[in-house]
Amino acid sequence: MCKNKKAPHSSFYEDEWFLNSGTSTYLTLFESNFIDITLSNYSQVETASLKVLLFIVSFGTVLIKYEIFNPEKGTTKVAVSELWLVYCVSSIQMCFLSTRQIF
């Protein structure tokens, strides 16, 4: 649904993370996102669709840099947040932020 969608303002970030109220944890498919990582073969994770199983290959901490756009002023601030516990799942198509963990 979000394929080929871009922010309404210009952005210089290449990675996209999607905020998802249905995701119970942070997920990325890129091991290069981690500032610290623990590699191992972990168990599978069930998804909302019981037909799809995800396999965790590592976990750790990720720093994300993001923009906060103020449409009234037309200004953009850059912020950095540390996310932990982030799971690396190579079979997903995009990175997910969990609203449950953020709030």
PDB file of N, CA and C in Angstrom:
ATOM      1  N   MET A   1       0.814  -1.189   0.000  1.00  0.00           N
ATOM      2  CA  MET A   1       0.000   0.000   0.000  1.00  0.00           C
ATOM      3  C   MET A   1       0.862   1.260   0.000  1.00  0.00           C
ATOM      4  N   CYS A   2       2.015   1.214   0.687  1.00  0.00           N
ATOM      5  CA  CYS A   2       2.895   2.378   0.770  1.00  0.00           C
ATOM      6  C   CYS A   2       3.988   2.364  -0.298  1.00  0.00           C
ATOM      7  N   LYS A   3       3.974   1.373  -1.172  1.00  0.00           N
ATOM      8  CA  LYS A   3       5.028   1.241  -2.173  1.00  0.00           C
ATOM      9  C   LYS A   3       5.099   2.501  -3.037  1.00  0.00           C
ATOM     10  N   ASN A   4       6.304   2.981  -3.223  1.00  0.00           N
ATOM     11  CA  ASN A   4       6.596   4.161  -4.044  1.00  0.00           C
ATOM     12  C   ASN A   4       6.012   5.451  -3.483  1.00  0.00           C
ATOM     13  N   LYS A   5       5.633   5.469  -2.227  1.00  0.00           N
ATOM     14  CA  LYS A   5       5.135   6.699  -1.598  1.00  0.00           C
ATOM     15  C   LYS A   5       6.322   7.445  -1.005  1.00  0.00           C
ATOM     16  N   LYS A   6       6.331   8.726  -1.095  1.00  0.00           N
ATOM     17  CA  LYS A   6       7.409   9.555  -0.563  1.00  0.00           C
ATOM     18  C   LYS A   6       6.837  10.590   0.400  1.00  0.00           C
ATOM     19  N   ALA A   7       7.714  11.103   1.249  1.00  0.00           N
ATOM     20  CA  ALA A   7       7.305  12.153   2.186  1.00  0.00           C
ATOM     21  C   ALA A   7       6.833  13.376   1.402  1.00  0.00           C
ATOM     22  N   PRO A   8       5.899  14.165   1.964  1.00  0.00           N
ATOM     23  CA  PRO A   8       5.381  15.340   1.250  1.00  0.00           C
ATOM     24  C   PRO A   8       6.392  16.478   1.133  1.00  0.00           C
ATOM     25  N   HIS A   9       7.563  16.317   1.731  1.00  0.00           N
ATOM     26  CA  HIS A   9       8.638  17.297   1.636  1.00  0.00           C
ATOM     27  C   HIS A   9       9.905  16.552   1.227  1.00  0.00           C
ATOM     28  N   SER A  10      10.909  17.288   0.832  1.00  0.00           N
ATOM     29  CA  SER A  10      12.132  16.612   0.390  1.00  0.00           C
ATOM     30  C   SER A  10      12.856  15.982   1.578  1.00  0.00           C
ATOM     31  N   SER A  11      13.473  14.828   1.348  1.00  0.00           N
ATOM     32  CA  SER A  11      14.184  14.099   2.391  1.00  0.00           C
ATOM     33  C   SER A  11      15.463  13.537   1.806  1.00  0.00           C
ATOM     34  N   PHE A  12      16.508  13.450   2.631  1.00  0.00           N
ATOM     35  CA  PHE A  12      17.772  12.910   2.136  1.00  0.00           C
ATOM     36  C   PHE A  12      18.070  11.529   2.721  1.00  0.00           C
ATOM     37  N   TYR A  13      17.103  10.897   3.374  1.00  0.00           N
ATOM     38  CA  TYR A  13      17.298   9.576   3.947  1.00  0.00           C
ATOM     39  C   TYR A  13      16.851   8.507   2.965  1.00  0.00           C
ATOM     40  N   GLU A  14      17.632   7.432   2.883  1.00  0.00           N
ATOM     41  CA  GLU A  14      17.305   6.361   1.947  1.00  0.00           C
ATOM     42  C   GLU A  14      16.456   5.267   2.583  1.00  0.00           C
ATOM     43  N   ASP A  15      16.765   4.873   3.820  1.00  0.00           N
ATOM     44  CA  ASP A  15      16.001   3.819   4.486  1.00  0.00           C
ATOM     45  C   ASP A  15      14.641   4.343   4.895  1.00  0.00           C
ATOM     46  N   GLU A  16      13.648   3.497   4.777  1.00  0.00           N
ATOM     47  CA  GLU A  16      12.314   3.872   5.216  1.00  0.00           C
ATOM     48  C   GLU A  16      11.880   2.927   6.325  1.00  0.00           C
ATOM     49  N   TRP A  17      11.351   3.493   7.398  1.00  0.00           N
ATOM     50  CA  TRP A  17      10.778   2.726   8.497  1.00  0.00           C
ATOM     51  C   TRP A  17       9.301   3.076   8.545  1.00  0.00           C
ATOM     52  N   PHE A  18       8.463   2.080   8.679  1.00  0.00           N
ATOM     53  CA  PHE A  18       7.032   2.293   8.704  1.00  0.00           C
ATOM     54  C   PHE A  18       6.501   2.081  10.112  1.00  0.00           C
ATOM     55  N   LEU A  19       5.740   3.057  10.601  1.00  0.00           N
ATOM     56  CA  LEU A  19       5.106   2.965  11.912  1.00  0.00           C
ATOM     57  C   LEU A  19       3.879   2.085  11.758  1.00  0.00           C
ATOM     58  N   ASN A  20       3.799   1.021  12.560  1.00  0.00           N
ATOM     59  CA  ASN A  20       2.751   0.037  12.390  1.00  0.00           C
ATOM     60  C   ASN A  20       2.139  -0.297  13.744  1.00  0.00           C
ATOM     61  N   SER A  21       0.855  -0.052  13.877  1.00  0.00           N
ATOM     62  CA  SER A  21       0.177  -0.334  15.146  1.00  0.00           C
ATOM     63  C   SER A  21      -0.024  -1.836  15.351  1.00  0.00           C
ATOM     64  N   GLY A  22       0.125  -2.631  14.312  1.00  0.00           N
ATOM     65  CA  GLY A  22      -0.039  -4.070  14.436  1.00  0.00           C
ATOM     66  C   GLY A  22       1.247  -4.815  14.733  1.00  0.00           C
ATOM     67  N   THR A  23       2.372  -4.109  14.707  1.00  0.00           N
ATOM     68  CA  THR A  23       3.664  -4.731  14.970  1.00  0.00           C
ATOM     69  C   THR A  23       3.971  -4.629  16.458  1.00  0.00           C
ATOM     70  N   SER A  24       4.335  -5.749  17.074  1.00  0.00           N
ATOM     71  CA  SER A  24       4.577  -5.730  18.516  1.00  0.00           C
ATOM     72  C   SER A  24       6.036  -5.459  18.868  1.00  0.00           C
ATOM     73  N   THR A  25       6.910  -5.380  17.877  1.00  0.00           N
ATOM     74  CA  THR A  25       8.323  -5.108  18.127  1.00  0.00           C
ATOM     75  C   THR A  25       8.933  -4.397  16.927  1.00  0.00           C
ATOM     76  N   TYR A  26      10.151  -3.878  17.100  1.00  0.00           N
ATOM     77  CA  TYR A  26      10.866  -3.261  15.988  1.00  0.00           C
ATOM     78  C   TYR A  26      11.477  -4.353  15.125  1.00  0.00           C
ATOM     79  N   LEU A  27      11.373  -4.196  13.816  1.00  0.00           N
ATOM     80  CA  LEU A  27      11.923  -5.180  12.888  1.00  0.00           C
ATOM     81  C   LEU A  27      12.686  -4.475  11.778  1.00  0.00           C
ATOM     82  N   THR A  28      13.845  -5.009  11.424  1.00  0.00           N
ATOM     83  CA  THR A  28      14.595  -4.527  10.273  1.00  0.00           C
ATOM     84  C   THR A  28      15.084  -5.726   9.482  1.00  0.00           C
ATOM     85  N   LEU A  29      15.365  -5.518   8.223  1.00  0.00           N
ATOM     86  CA  LEU A  29      15.931  -6.587   7.413  1.00  0.00           C
ATOM     87  C   LEU A  29      17.410  -6.371   7.135  1.00  0.00           C
ATOM     88  N   PHE A  30      17.984  -5.270   7.645  1.00  0.00           N
ATOM     89  CA  PHE A  30      19.373  -4.915   7.367  1.00  0.00           C
ATOM     90  C   PHE A  30      20.244  -5.039   8.618  1.00  0.00           C
ATOM     91  N   GLU A  31      21.208  -5.944   8.618  1.00  0.00           N
ATOM     92  CA  GLU A  31      22.135  -6.045   9.743  1.00  0.00           C
ATOM     93  C   GLU A  31      23.013  -4.803   9.832  1.00  0.00           C
ATOM     94  N   SER A  32      23.177  -4.092   8.735  1.00  0.00           N
ATOM     95  CA  SER A  32      23.986  -2.862   8.730  1.00  0.00           C
ATOM     96  C   SER A  32      23.331  -1.734   9.523  1.00  0.00           C
ATOM     97  N   ASN A  33      22.052  -1.857   9.889  1.00  0.00           N
ATOM     98  CA  ASN A  33      21.373  -0.840  10.698  1.00  0.00           C
ATOM     99  C   ASN A  33      21.835  -0.821  12.156  1.00  0.00           C
ATOM    100  N   PHE A  34      22.439  -1.901  12.633  1.00  0.00           N
ATOM    101  CA  PHE A  34      22.717  -2.055  14.056  1.00  0.00           C
ATOM    102  C   PHE A  34      24.012  -1.362  14.483  1.00  0.00           C
ATOM    103  N   ILE A  35      23.977  -0.753  15.691  1.00  0.00           N
ATOM    104  CA  ILE A  35      25.211  -0.247  16.296  1.00  0.00           C
ATOM    105  C   ILE A  35      25.802  -1.301  17.217  1.00  0.00           C
ATOM    106  N   ASP A  36      24.977  -2.223  17.698  1.00  0.00           N
ATOM    107  CA  ASP A  36      25.452  -3.430  18.360  1.00  0.00           C
ATOM    108  C   ASP A  36      24.483  -4.542  18.005  1.00  0.00           C
ATOM    109  N   ILE A  37      25.030  -5.735  17.859  1.00  0.00           N
ATOM    110  CA  ILE A  37      24.217  -6.827  17.333  1.00  0.00           C
ATOM    111  C   ILE A  37      24.667  -8.152  17.944  1.00  0.00           C
ATOM    112  N   THR A  38      23.714  -9.031  18.175  1.00  0.00           N
ATOM    113  CA  THR A  38      23.976 -10.389  18.624  1.00  0.00           C
ATOM    114  C   THR A  38      23.462 -11.322  17.536  1.00  0.00           C
ATOM    115  N   LEU A  39      24.386 -12.067  16.936  1.00  0.00           N
ATOM    116  CA  LEU A  39      24.025 -12.976  15.855  1.00  0.00           C
ATOM    117  C   LEU A  39      23.744 -14.358  16.405  1.00  0.00           C
ATOM    118  N   SER A  40      22.723 -14.988  15.873  1.00  0.00           N
ATOM    119  CA  SER A  40      22.400 -16.346  16.268  1.00  0.00           C
ATOM    120  C   SER A  40      21.215 -16.820  15.439  1.00  0.00           C
ATOM    121  N   ASN A  41      20.899 -18.074  15.551  1.00  0.00           N
ATOM    122  CA  ASN A  41      19.682 -18.600  14.942  1.00  0.00           C
ATOM    123  C   ASN A  41      18.638 -18.709  16.031  1.00  0.00           C
ATOM    124  N   TYR A  42      17.594 -17.932  15.894  1.00  0.00           N
ATOM    125  CA  TYR A  42      16.539 -17.903  16.896  1.00  0.00           C
ATOM    126  C   TYR A  42      15.297 -18.571  16.345  1.00  0.00           C
ATOM    127  N   SER A  43      14.310 -18.660  17.174  1.00  0.00           N
ATOM    128  CA  SER A  43      13.081 -19.321  16.754  1.00  0.00           C
ATOM    129  C   SER A  43      12.282 -18.450  15.795  1.00  0.00           C
ATOM    130  N   GLN A  44      11.230 -19.026  15.306  1.00  0.00           N
ATOM    131  CA  GLN A  44      10.357 -18.318  14.389  1.00  0.00           C
ATOM    132  C   GLN A  44       9.359 -17.461  15.153  1.00  0.00           C
ATOM    133  N   VAL A  45       8.829 -16.458  14.474  1.00  0.00           N
ATOM    134  CA  VAL A  45       7.849 -15.554  15.052  1.00  0.00           C
ATOM    135  C   VAL A  45       6.587 -15.639  14.214  1.00  0.00           C
ATOM    136  N   GLU A  46       5.450 -15.788  14.873  1.00  0.00           N
ATOM    137  CA  GLU A  46       4.187 -15.799  14.156  1.00  0.00           C
ATOM    138  C   GLU A  46       3.793 -14.382  13.796  1.00  0.00           C
ATOM    139  N   THR A  47       3.136 -14.234  12.660  1.00  0.00           N
ATOM    140  CA  THR A  47       2.625 -12.936  12.237  1.00  0.00           C
ATOM    141  C   THR A  47       1.106 -12.957  12.346  1.00  0.00           C
ATOM    142  N   ALA A  48       0.480 -11.830  12.037  1.00  0.00           N
ATOM    143  CA  ALA A  48      -0.983 -11.763  12.067  1.00  0.00           C
ATOM    144  C   ALA A  48      -1.578 -12.784  11.101  1.00  0.00           C
ATOM    145  N   SER A  49      -0.878 -13.002   9.998  1.00  0.00           N
ATOM    146  CA  SER A  49      -1.273 -14.053   9.073  1.00  0.00           C
ATOM    147  C   SER A  49      -0.550 -15.321   9.498  1.00  0.00           C
ATOM    148  N   LEU A  50      -1.258 -16.257  10.043  1.00  0.00           N
ATOM    149  CA  LEU A  50      -0.630 -17.470  10.572  1.00  0.00           C
ATOM    150  C   LEU A  50       0.077 -18.283   9.491  1.00  0.00           C
ATOM    151  N   LYS A  51      -0.141 -17.921   8.235  1.00  0.00           N
ATOM    152  CA  LYS A  51       0.509 -18.620   7.133  1.00  0.00           C
ATOM    153  C   LYS A  51       1.950 -18.152   6.935  1.00  0.00           C
ATOM    154  N   VAL A  52       2.292 -17.011   7.541  1.00  0.00           N
ATOM    155  CA  VAL A  52       3.623 -16.430   7.352  1.00  0.00           C
ATOM    156  C   VAL A  52       4.418 -16.540   8.649  1.00  0.00           C
ATOM    157  N   LEU A  53       5.574 -17.178   8.591  1.00  0.00           N
ATOM    158  CA  LEU A  53       6.462 -17.275   9.744  1.00  0.00           C
ATOM    159  C   LEU A  53       7.730 -16.486   9.447  1.00  0.00           C
ATOM    160  N   LEU A  54       8.210 -15.742  10.438  1.00  0.00           N
ATOM    161  CA  LEU A  54       9.435 -14.961  10.292  1.00  0.00           C
ATOM    162  C   LEU A  54      10.524 -15.595  11.146  1.00  0.00           C
ATOM    163  N   PHE A  55      11.745 -15.593  10.647  1.00  0.00           N
ATOM    164  CA  PHE A  55      12.857 -16.181  11.372  1.00  0.00           C
ATOM    165  C   PHE A  55      13.837 -15.082  11.782  1.00  0.00           C
ATOM    166  N   ILE A  56      14.061 -14.942  13.075  1.00  0.00           N
ATOM    167  CA  ILE A  56      14.966 -13.927  13.620  1.00  0.00           C
ATOM    168  C   ILE A  56      16.394 -14.435  13.468  1.00  0.00           C
ATOM    169  N   VAL A  57      17.256 -13.627  12.826  1.00  0.00           N
ATOM    170  CA  VAL A  57      18.654 -14.026  12.639  1.00  0.00           C
ATOM    171  C   VAL A  57      19.594 -13.273  13.577  1.00  0.00           C
ATOM    172  N   SER A  58      19.133 -12.161  14.145  1.00  0.00           N
ATOM    173  CA  SER A  58      19.946 -11.400  15.092  1.00  0.00           C
ATOM    174  C   SER A  58      19.065 -10.368  15.786  1.00  0.00           C
ATOM    175  N   PHE A  59      19.631  -9.731  16.817  1.00  0.00           N
ATOM    176  CA  PHE A  59      18.924  -8.645  17.502  1.00  0.00           C
ATOM    177  C   PHE A  59      19.951  -7.679  18.055  1.00  0.00           C
ATOM    178  N   GLY A  60      19.489  -6.485  18.412  1.00  0.00           N
ATOM    179  CA  GLY A  60      20.401  -5.505  18.972  1.00  0.00           C
ATOM    180  C   GLY A  60      19.794  -4.118  19.036  1.00  0.00           C
ATOM    181  N   THR A  61      20.672  -3.117  18.926  1.00  0.00           N
ATOM    182  CA  THR A  61      20.298  -1.711  19.045  1.00  0.00           C
ATOM    183  C   THR A  61      20.504  -1.011  17.718  1.00  0.00           C
ATOM    184  N   VAL A  62      19.544  -0.168  17.363  1.00  0.00           N
ATOM    185  CA  VAL A  62      19.595   0.604  16.120  1.00  0.00           C
ATOM    186  C   VAL A  62      19.403   2.077  16.463  1.00  0.00           C
ATOM    187  N   LEU A  63      20.200   2.944  15.845  1.00  0.00           N
ATOM    188  CA  LEU A  63      19.965   4.385  15.921  1.00  0.00           C
ATOM    189  C   LEU A  63      19.256   4.798  14.639  1.00  0.00           C
ATOM    190  N   ILE A  64      18.166   5.538  14.791  1.00  0.00           N
ATOM    191  CA  ILE A  64      17.510   6.063  13.600  1.00  0.00           C
ATOM    192  C   ILE A  64      17.556   7.582  13.638  1.00  0.00           C
ATOM    193  N   LYS A  65      17.894   8.139  12.516  1.00  0.00           N
ATOM    194  CA  LYS A  65      17.883   9.589  12.342  1.00  0.00           C
ATOM    195  C   LYS A  65      16.659   9.904  11.489  1.00  0.00           C
ATOM    196  N   TYR A  66      15.869  10.848  11.934  1.00  0.00           N
ATOM    197  CA  TYR A  66      14.636  11.143  11.226  1.00  0.00           C
ATOM    198  C   TYR A  66      14.367  12.638  11.241  1.00  0.00           C
ATOM    199  N   GLU A  67      13.451  13.042  10.395  1.00  0.00           N
ATOM    200  CA  GLU A  67      13.088  14.449  10.263  1.00  0.00           C
ATOM    201  C   GLU A  67      11.738  14.706  10.903  1.00  0.00           C
ATOM    202  N   ILE A  68      11.633  15.857  11.554  1.00  0.00           N
ATOM    203  CA  ILE A  68      10.362  16.322  12.089  1.00  0.00           C
ATOM    204  C   ILE A  68      10.012  17.573  11.303  1.00  0.00           C
ATOM    205  N   PHE A  69       9.007  17.459  10.464  1.00  0.00           N
ATOM    206  CA  PHE A  69       8.636  18.539   9.560  1.00  0.00           C
ATOM    207  C   PHE A  69       7.501  19.356  10.155  1.00  0.00           C
ATOM    208  N   ASN A  70       7.659  20.678  10.209  1.00  0.00           N
ATOM    209  CA  ASN A  70       6.620  21.580  10.676  1.00  0.00           C
ATOM    210  C   ASN A  70       6.003  22.239   9.445  1.00  0.00           C
ATOM    211  N   PRO A  71       4.809  21.796   9.034  1.00  0.00           N
ATOM    212  CA  PRO A  71       4.218  22.342   7.809  1.00  0.00           C
ATOM    213  C   PRO A  71       3.809  23.811   7.926  1.00  0.00           C
ATOM    214  N   GLU A  72       3.507  24.276   9.150  1.00  0.00           N
ATOM    215  CA  GLU A  72       3.114  25.675   9.329  1.00  0.00           C
ATOM    216  C   GLU A  72       4.280  26.617   9.069  1.00  0.00           C
ATOM    217  N   LYS A  73       5.466  26.217   9.532  1.00  0.00           N
ATOM    218  CA  LYS A  73       6.654  27.058   9.356  1.00  0.00           C
ATOM    219  C   LYS A  73       7.486  26.649   8.146  1.00  0.00           C
ATOM    220  N   GLY A  74       7.229  25.443   7.631  1.00  0.00           N
ATOM    221  CA  GLY A  74       8.027  24.943   6.517  1.00  0.00           C
ATOM    222  C   GLY A  74       9.444  24.584   6.931  1.00  0.00           C
ATOM    223  N   THR A  75       9.626  24.259   8.227  1.00  0.00           N
ATOM    224  CA  THR A  75      10.959  23.936   8.736  1.00  0.00           C
ATOM    225  C   THR A  75      11.058  22.448   9.058  1.00  0.00           C
ATOM    226  N   THR A  76      12.283  21.962   9.050  1.00  0.00           N
ATOM    227  CA  THR A  76      12.548  20.560   9.354  1.00  0.00           C
ATOM    228  C   THR A  76      13.645  20.474  10.400  1.00  0.00           C
ATOM    229  N   LYS A  77      13.410  19.686  11.447  1.00  0.00           N
ATOM    230  CA  LYS A  77      14.427  19.402  12.458  1.00  0.00           C
ATOM    231  C   LYS A  77      14.864  17.958  12.287  1.00  0.00           C
ATOM    232  N   VAL A  78      16.118  17.676  12.605  1.00  0.00           N
ATOM    233  CA  VAL A  78      16.642  16.315  12.551  1.00  0.00           C
ATOM    234  C   VAL A  78      16.809  15.819  13.981  1.00  0.00           C
ATOM    235  N   ALA A  79      16.349  14.595  14.230  1.00  0.00           N
ATOM    236  CA  ALA A  79      16.458  14.000  15.559  1.00  0.00           C
ATOM    237  C   ALA A  79      17.016  12.578  15.417  1.00  0.00           C
ATOM    238  N   VAL A  80      17.575  12.065  16.514  1.00  0.00           N
ATOM    239  CA  VAL A  80      18.109  10.704  16.545  1.00  0.00           C
ATOM    240  C   VAL A  80      17.496   9.990  17.750  1.00  0.00           C
ATOM    241  N   SER A  81      17.043   8.763  17.523  1.00  0.00           N
ATOM    242  CA  SER A  81      16.496   7.942  18.604  1.00  0.00           C
ATOM    243  C   SER A  81      17.173   6.588  18.615  1.00  0.00           C
ATOM    244  N   GLU A  82      17.344   6.040  19.815  1.00  0.00           N
ATOM    245  CA  GLU A  82      17.903   4.702  19.977  1.00  0.00           C
ATOM    246  C   GLU A  82      16.758   3.719  20.139  1.00  0.00           C
ATOM    247  N   LEU A  83      16.753   2.692  19.326  1.00  0.00           N
ATOM    248  CA  LEU A  83      15.735   1.652  19.404  1.00  0.00           C
ATOM    249  C   LEU A  83      16.362   0.366  19.915  1.00  0.00           C
ATOM    250  N   TRP A  84      15.750  -0.218  20.926  1.00  0.00           N
ATOM    251  CA  TRP A  84      16.185  -1.503  21.447  1.00  0.00           C
ATOM    252  C   TRP A  84      14.953  -2.203  21.956  1.00  0.00           C
ATOM    253  N   LEU A  85      14.727  -3.212  21.727  1.00  0.00           N
ATOM    254  CA  LEU A  85      15.251  -4.413  21.166  1.00  0.00           C
ATOM    255  C   LEU A  85      14.748  -4.497  19.718  1.00  0.00           C
ATOM    256  N   VAL A  86      15.654  -4.484  18.760  1.00  0.00           N
ATOM    257  CA  VAL A  86      15.306  -4.569  17.345  1.00  0.00           C
ATOM    258  C   VAL A  86      15.707  -5.953  16.852  1.00  0.00           C
ATOM    259  N   TYR A  87      14.787  -6.606  16.167  1.00  0.00           N
ATOM    260  CA  TYR A  87      15.071  -7.922  15.598  1.00  0.00           C
ATOM    261  C   TYR A  87      15.385  -7.790  14.117  1.00  0.00           C
ATOM    262  N   CYS A  88      16.352  -8.554  13.666  1.00  0.00           N
ATOM    263  CA  CYS A  88      16.685  -8.605  12.244  1.00  0.00           C
ATOM    264  C   CYS A  88      16.017  -9.846  11.654  1.00  0.00           C
ATOM    265  N   VAL A  89      15.151  -9.608  10.690  1.00  0.00           N
ATOM    266  CA  VAL A  89      14.419 -10.674  10.019  1.00  0.00           C
ATOM    267  C   VAL A  89      14.629 -10.486   8.527  1.00  0.00           C
ATOM    268  N   SER A  90      15.425 -11.342   7.926  1.00  0.00           N
ATOM    269  CA  SER A  90      15.823 -11.142   6.532  1.00  0.00           C
ATOM    270  C   SER A  90      14.691 -11.341   5.525  1.00  0.00           C
ATOM    271  N   SER A  91      13.603 -11.959   5.930  1.00  0.00           N
ATOM    272  CA  SER A  91      12.529 -12.265   4.983  1.00  0.00           C
ATOM    273  C   SER A  91      11.451 -11.183   4.883  1.00  0.00           C
ATOM    274  N   ILE A  92      11.579 -10.076   5.623  1.00  0.00           N
ATOM    275  CA  ILE A  92      10.574  -9.023   5.525  1.00  0.00           C
ATOM    276  C   ILE A  92      10.926  -8.073   4.381  1.00  0.00           C
ATOM    277  N   GLN A  93       9.974  -7.260   3.981  1.00  0.00           N
ATOM    278  CA  GLN A  93      10.153  -6.367   2.838  1.00  0.00           C
ATOM    279  C   GLN A  93      10.496  -4.932   3.229  1.00  0.00           C
ATOM    280  N   MET A  94      10.255  -4.563   4.486  1.00  0.00           N
ATOM    281  CA  MET A  94      10.508  -3.193   4.946  1.00  0.00           C
ATOM    282  C   MET A  94      10.783  -3.211   6.445  1.00  0.00           C
ATOM    283  N   CYS A  95      11.280  -2.101   6.955  1.00  0.00           N
ATOM    284  CA  CYS A  95      11.562  -1.962   8.388  1.00  0.00           C
ATOM    285  C   CYS A  95      10.313  -1.446   9.092  1.00  0.00           C
ATOM    286  N   PHE A  96      10.064  -1.964  10.309  1.00  0.00           N
ATOM    287  CA  PHE A  96       8.861  -1.591  11.044  1.00  0.00           C
ATOM    288  C   PHE A  96       9.193  -0.991  12.401  1.00  0.00           C
ATOM    289  N   LEU A  97       8.484   0.085  12.730  1.00  0.00           N
ATOM    290  CA  LEU A  97       8.495   0.664  14.069  1.00  0.00           C
ATOM    291  C   LEU A  97       7.198   0.258  14.740  1.00  0.00           C
ATOM    292  N   SER A  98       7.297  -0.161  15.965  1.00  0.00           N
ATOM    293  CA  SER A  98       6.116  -0.593  16.715  1.00  0.00           C
ATOM    294  C   SER A  98       5.561   0.566  17.527  1.00  0.00           C
ATOM    295  N   THR A  99       4.292   0.905  17.313  1.00  0.00           N
ATOM    296  CA  THR A  99       3.680   1.955  18.135  1.00  0.00           C
ATOM    297  C   THR A  99       3.615   1.514  19.594  1.00  0.00           C
ATOM    298  N   ARG A 100       3.470   0.222  19.841  1.00  0.00           N
ATOM    299  CA  ARG A 100       3.414  -0.306  21.207  1.00  0.00           C
ATOM    300  C   ARG A 100       4.717   0.006  21.945  1.00  0.00           C
ATOM    301  N   GLN A 101       5.858  -0.179  21.288  1.00  0.00           N
ATOM    302  CA  GLN A 101       7.138   0.091  21.951  1.00  0.00           C
ATOM    303  C   GLN A 101       7.445   1.582  22.043  1.00  0.00           C
ATOM    304  N   ILE A 102       6.999   2.348  21.092  1.00  0.00           N
ATOM    305  CA  ILE A 102       7.267   3.796  21.125  1.00  0.00           C
ATOM    306  C   ILE A 102       6.521   4.454  22.271  1.00  0.00           C
ATOM    307  N   PHE A 103       5.256   4.064  22.469  1.00  0.00           N
ATOM    308  CA  PHE A 103       4.459   4.693  23.502  1.00  0.00           C
ATOM    309  C   PHE A 103       4.582   3.951  24.812  1.00  0.00           C
TER     310      PHE A 103
END
